[in-house]
């Protein structure tokens, strides 16, 4: 069952999303070659707590960390480790969730560390653009399949990359994952009709190569089956009759990508 939110509830979700966005911005300023993913996670957890939030992922179904940090061919759910260090040319996908006042926020961003290939830059730019393609059609009266169709047709039809099928976006509110499922591939005009008060996380996960993925032996980390690189971007949005609110914010993250000399910017031209 879908729980449609009031604007009062959305204000709480937005507060949690703001901490998520600030955390990703904070992390972006100290990403560099040689830092361990566990150090990134520890700093992010302390930051979230300092803002009055709780890390939403830590302990969720047994997940051991506050952030999901996925490198290169890892699609999502990478577990931070003390002996895993960032290196020049990495794609670093960081997914963050926060709980505050009983409501969750969720967002993700893929960072390009140092000099990266033009292929990987194009992969990230296409994936980020596809996120906004999905947001553009998230309107009352449209259907859930329209979101997936807009993402898939852009990524696979125009860009030549592959959309992961097994991993999806989701409703969000008092639970981290609620109905409905928000697929990144779909048929135009299919699925549930979008109604006022729907709050969802849209999160395209896009592979440079083929769409197939596998889960590693740790039970969490999802990687591309063909070892091609993958990118992941996410926003939480609220849909009402009078328009769409993007509750998370990438602007500070994108600014950090410009100002951190170890990062390559993926800012899209407006």
Protein backbone atom coordinates (compact mmCIF):
# COMPACT_ATOMS: atom_id res chain seq x y z
CA UNK A 1 0.00 0.00 0.00
CA UNK A 2 1.26 3.47 -0.90
CA UNK A 3 1.23 6.05 1.88
CA UNK A 4 0.60 9.49 0.40
CA UNK A 5 2.20 12.26 2.42
CA UNK A 6 0.96 15.60 3.61
CA UNK A 7 3.09 18.69 3.09
CA UNK A 8 3.79 18.63 6.83
CA UNK A 9 5.25 15.14 6.51
CA UNK A 10 7.24 16.22 3.47
CA UNK A 11 8.82 18.99 5.55
CA UNK A 12 10.23 16.32 7.88
CA UNK A 13 11.46 14.22 4.94
CA UNK A 14 13.10 17.30 3.45
CA UNK A 15 14.93 17.94 6.73
CA UNK A 16 16.37 14.42 6.62
CA UNK A 17 17.24 14.86 2.94
CA UNK A 18 19.04 18.09 3.75
CA UNK A 19 21.33 16.25 6.15
CA UNK A 20 21.94 13.63 3.46
CA UNK A 21 22.87 16.33 0.96
CA UNK A 22 25.12 18.13 3.44
CA UNK A 23 26.82 14.83 4.28
CA UNK A 24 27.57 14.08 0.63
CA UNK A 25 28.89 17.62 0.19
CA UNK A 26 31.04 17.27 3.32
CA UNK A 27 32.46 13.98 2.06
CA UNK A 28 33.15 15.43 -1.39
CA UNK A 29 35.63 17.94 0.00
CA UNK A 30 38.00 15.30 1.41
CA UNK A 31 37.82 12.61 -1.27
CA UNK A 32 41.30 11.97 -2.63
CA UNK A 33 43.55 9.10 -3.71
CA UNK A 34 44.84 7.10 -0.74
CA UNK A 35 41.92 7.61 1.63
CA UNK A 36 40.21 4.42 2.79
CA UNK A 37 36.51 3.91 2.28
CA UNK A 38 36.20 3.14 6.01
CA UNK A 39 37.66 6.55 6.90
CA UNK A 40 35.10 8.18 4.60
CA UNK A 41 32.33 6.23 6.29
CA UNK A 42 33.52 7.07 9.82
CA UNK A 43 33.68 10.79 9.06
CA UNK A 44 30.27 10.74 7.42
CA UNK A 45 28.70 8.96 10.40
CA UNK A 46 30.11 11.53 12.82
CA UNK A 47 28.82 14.34 10.61
CA UNK A 48 25.30 12.87 10.43
CA UNK A 49 25.18 12.50 14.21
CA UNK A 50 26.41 16.08 14.68
CA UNK A 51 23.41 17.26 12.65
CA UNK A 52 20.94 15.45 14.87
CA UNK A 53 20.28 12.61 12.44
CA UNK A 54 20.86 8.88 12.52
CA UNK A 55 22.57 6.91 9.74
CA UNK A 56 19.68 5.13 8.05
CA UNK A 57 21.72 2.36 6.46
CA UNK A 58 23.72 1.21 9.48
CA UNK A 59 22.10 -1.97 10.77
CA UNK A 60 19.43 -1.94 8.05
CA UNK A 61 18.86 -5.64 7.34
CA UNK A 62 22.30 -6.16 8.84
CA UNK A 63 24.23 -3.67 6.67
CA UNK A 64 27.35 -2.78 8.70
CA UNK A 65 28.06 0.82 7.65
CA UNK A 66 26.57 4.30 7.42
CA UNK A 67 27.35 4.79 3.72
CA UNK A 68 27.26 2.51 0.72
CA UNK A 69 30.52 3.20 -1.13
CA UNK A 70 30.76 1.42 -4.47
CA UNK A 71 33.83 1.66 -6.71
CA UNK A 72 34.09 1.29 -10.47
CA UNK A 73 32.32 -1.98 -11.46
CA UNK A 74 30.44 -2.03 -8.13
CA UNK A 75 26.90 -0.85 -8.80
CA UNK A 76 25.56 -0.36 -5.26
CA UNK A 77 25.83 -1.54 -1.63
CA UNK A 78 29.61 -1.52 -1.43
CA UNK A 79 30.79 -2.00 2.18
CA UNK A 80 33.44 0.48 3.41
CA UNK A 81 36.72 -1.20 4.41
CA UNK A 82 39.91 -0.19 6.22
CA UNK A 83 42.06 -1.77 3.52
CA UNK A 84 40.21 -0.41 0.49
CA UNK A 85 41.77 2.84 -0.72
CA UNK A 86 40.66 5.25 -3.41
CA UNK A 87 42.94 5.66 -6.40
CA UNK A 88 43.27 7.99 -9.37
CA UNK A 89 40.64 7.32 -12.02
CA UNK A 90 38.10 5.67 -9.69
CA UNK A 91 34.36 6.12 -10.00
CA UNK A 92 33.16 6.46 -6.41
CA UNK A 93 29.40 6.01 -5.93
CA UNK A 94 28.24 7.08 -2.47
CA UNK A 95 24.70 6.42 -1.27
CA UNK A 96 23.55 8.02 1.99
CA UNK A 97 20.40 7.78 4.09
CA UNK A 98 19.37 9.66 7.23
CA UNK A 99 16.59 9.23 9.79
CA UNK A 100 15.40 12.25 11.76
CA UNK A 101 12.09 12.96 13.50
CA UNK A 102 10.79 9.58 12.36
CA UNK A 103 11.27 10.25 8.62
CA UNK A 104 13.91 9.11 6.17
CA UNK A 105 15.88 10.93 3.49
CA UNK A 106 17.95 9.30 0.74
CA UNK A 107 20.28 10.46 -2.06
CA UNK A 108 23.33 9.28 -3.99
CA UNK A 109 26.10 10.71 -6.14
CA UNK A 110 28.93 9.23 -8.21
CA UNK A 111 32.25 11.07 -7.95
CA UNK A 112 35.06 10.94 -10.51
CA UNK A 113 38.43 10.85 -8.80
CA UNK A 114 41.22 12.65 -10.62
CA UNK A 115 41.79 12.14 -14.32
CA UNK A 116 39.14 9.77 -15.67
CA UNK A 117 38.48 8.42 -19.13
CA UNK A 118 36.10 10.25 -21.43
CA UNK A 119 33.98 7.07 -21.46
CA UNK A 120 33.52 7.19 -17.70
CA UNK A 121 32.85 10.92 -17.73
CA UNK A 122 30.16 10.39 -20.37
CA UNK A 123 28.71 7.50 -18.36
CA UNK A 124 28.33 9.69 -15.28
CA UNK A 125 26.93 12.66 -17.18
CA UNK A 126 24.38 10.44 -18.92
CA UNK A 127 23.32 8.79 -15.66
CA UNK A 128 22.93 12.14 -13.92
CA UNK A 129 20.96 13.53 -16.87
CA UNK A 130 18.69 10.46 -16.82
CA UNK A 131 17.82 11.19 -13.19
CA UNK A 132 16.39 14.54 -14.25
CA UNK A 133 14.63 12.92 -17.21
CA UNK A 134 12.81 10.76 -14.65
CA UNK A 135 12.00 13.74 -12.45
CA UNK A 136 10.61 15.69 -15.43
CA UNK A 137 7.84 13.14 -16.03
CA UNK A 138 7.03 12.65 -12.34
CA UNK A 139 3.74 14.52 -12.41
CA UNK A 140 0.24 13.83 -11.13
CA UNK A 141 -1.71 11.91 -13.74
CA UNK A 142 1.38 10.28 -15.25
CA UNK A 143 2.16 6.64 -14.52
CA UNK A 144 5.09 4.94 -12.83
CA UNK A 145 6.06 3.29 -16.12
CA UNK A 146 6.60 6.73 -17.62
CA UNK A 147 9.49 7.33 -15.20
CA UNK A 148 11.23 4.09 -16.16
CA UNK A 149 10.54 4.67 -19.84
CA UNK A 150 12.05 8.15 -19.78
CA UNK A 151 15.23 6.90 -18.09
CA UNK A 152 15.60 3.75 -20.18
CA UNK A 153 14.87 5.37 -23.54
CA UNK A 154 17.46 8.08 -22.88
CA UNK A 155 20.16 5.76 -21.52
CA UNK A 156 19.74 2.86 -23.92
CA UNK A 157 18.19 4.59 -26.89
CA UNK A 158 20.26 7.78 -27.01
CA UNK A 159 23.42 7.10 -24.99
CA UNK A 160 24.18 3.44 -25.69
CA UNK A 161 24.60 2.40 -22.04
CA UNK A 162 22.56 -0.17 -20.05
CA UNK A 163 20.03 0.31 -17.27
CA UNK A 164 20.19 -2.18 -14.39
CA UNK A 165 16.85 -3.97 -14.05
CA UNK A 166 17.15 -5.76 -10.68
CA UNK A 167 17.77 -2.58 -8.64
CA UNK A 168 15.12 0.10 -8.35
CA UNK A 169 14.04 3.29 -6.67
CA UNK A 170 11.33 3.30 -4.03
CA UNK A 171 8.79 5.15 -1.97
CA UNK A 172 10.15 6.70 1.21
CA UNK A 173 8.79 8.24 4.39
CA UNK A 174 8.48 6.62 7.79
CA UNK A 175 10.19 3.61 6.23
CA UNK A 176 13.38 3.74 4.21
CA UNK A 177 11.83 1.59 1.50
CA UNK A 178 8.11 1.86 0.88
CA UNK A 179 5.81 1.22 -2.04
CA UNK A 180 5.82 1.90 -4.93
CA UNK A 181 8.75 0.35 -6.75
CA UNK A 182 10.34 2.96 -9.04
CA UNK A 183 11.88 1.05 -11.92
CA UNK A 184 14.50 2.61 -14.18
CA UNK A 185 13.12 0.73 -17.17
CA UNK A 186 9.49 0.63 -18.20
CA UNK A 187 6.73 1.01 -20.71
CA UNK A 188 5.15 4.39 -21.34
CA UNK A 189 1.64 4.64 -19.89
CA UNK A 190 1.98 1.53 -17.73
CA UNK A 191 1.89 1.03 -13.98
CA UNK A 192 0.20 2.90 -11.15
CA UNK A 193 -1.08 6.39 -11.72
CA UNK A 194 0.88 9.07 -9.89
CA UNK A 195 -1.23 10.89 -7.30
CA UNK A 196 -0.70 13.95 -5.16
CA UNK A 197 1.34 13.28 -2.02
CA UNK A 198 3.60 10.63 -3.52
CA UNK A 199 7.18 10.76 -2.22
CA UNK A 200 9.72 8.62 -4.05
CA UNK A 201 13.45 8.14 -4.47
CA UNK A 202 14.44 7.98 -8.13
CA UNK A 203 17.87 6.40 -8.60
CA UNK A 204 19.07 5.29 -12.02
CA UNK A 205 21.90 2.75 -11.94
CA UNK A 206 23.60 2.59 -15.31
CA UNK A 207 26.33 0.29 -16.65
CA UNK A 208 28.83 1.14 -19.37
CA UNK A 209 28.53 -2.42 -20.66
CA UNK A 210 25.73 -4.95 -20.35
CA UNK A 211 22.86 -4.66 -17.87
CA UNK A 212 23.44 -7.91 -15.95
CA UNK A 213 24.66 -7.77 -12.35
CA UNK A 214 25.71 -10.26 -9.66
CA UNK A 215 26.00 -10.09 -5.86
CA UNK A 216 29.38 -10.80 -4.27
CA UNK A 217 29.93 -13.33 -1.50
CA UNK A 218 29.57 -10.63 1.16
CA UNK A 219 25.84 -10.73 0.41
CA UNK A 220 25.67 -6.99 -0.28
CA UNK A 221 27.97 -5.66 -2.97
CA UNK A 222 26.34 -5.70 -6.41
CA UNK A 223 28.77 -5.66 -9.36
CA UNK A 224 28.42 -5.69 -13.12
CA UNK A 225 28.62 -9.18 -14.52
CA UNK A 226 30.94 -8.09 -17.34
CA UNK A 227 33.13 -5.96 -15.00
CA UNK A 228 32.21 -2.75 -16.82
CA UNK A 229 32.00 0.46 -14.80
CA UNK A 230 28.70 1.68 -13.33
CA UNK A 231 27.26 5.02 -12.14
CA UNK A 232 24.45 5.86 -9.70
CA UNK A 233 22.65 9.11 -8.87
CA UNK A 234 19.59 9.60 -6.67
CA UNK A 235 17.14 12.27 -5.55
CA UNK A 236 14.15 12.08 -3.21
CA UNK A 237 11.17 13.99 -4.62
CA UNK A 238 7.62 14.86 -3.51
CA UNK A 239 4.83 15.14 -6.06
CA UNK A 240 1.77 17.31 -5.51
CA UNK A 241 -0.98 18.72 -7.69
CA UNK A 242 0.80 22.06 -7.70
CA UNK A 243 4.18 20.68 -8.75
CA UNK A 244 7.22 18.62 -7.84
CA UNK A 245 9.63 19.31 -4.99
CA UNK A 246 13.17 17.90 -5.17
CA UNK A 247 13.86 17.31 -1.48
CA UNK A 248 17.54 16.41 -1.77
CA UNK A 249 20.07 18.85 -3.21
CA UNK A 250 23.10 18.17 -5.41
CA UNK A 251 24.16 21.80 -5.80
CA UNK A 252 26.55 21.81 -2.85
CA UNK A 253 27.99 18.47 -3.95
CA UNK A 254 28.57 19.76 -7.47
CA UNK A 255 30.27 22.86 -6.04
CA UNK A 256 32.58 20.64 -4.00
CA UNK A 257 33.46 18.67 -7.14
CA UNK A 258 34.64 21.91 -8.73
CA UNK A 259 36.58 23.09 -5.68
CA UNK A 260 38.22 19.78 -4.71
CA UNK A 261 41.31 19.48 -6.96
CA UNK A 262 41.15 15.68 -6.75
CA UNK A 263 37.68 15.50 -8.34
CA UNK A 264 36.43 15.90 -11.90
CA UNK A 265 33.17 17.83 -12.14
CA UNK A 266 30.08 16.20 -13.63
CA UNK A 267 27.99 19.35 -13.46
CA UNK A 268 25.45 19.40 -16.27
CA UNK A 269 24.96 22.43 -18.48
CA UNK A 270 21.63 24.08 -17.73
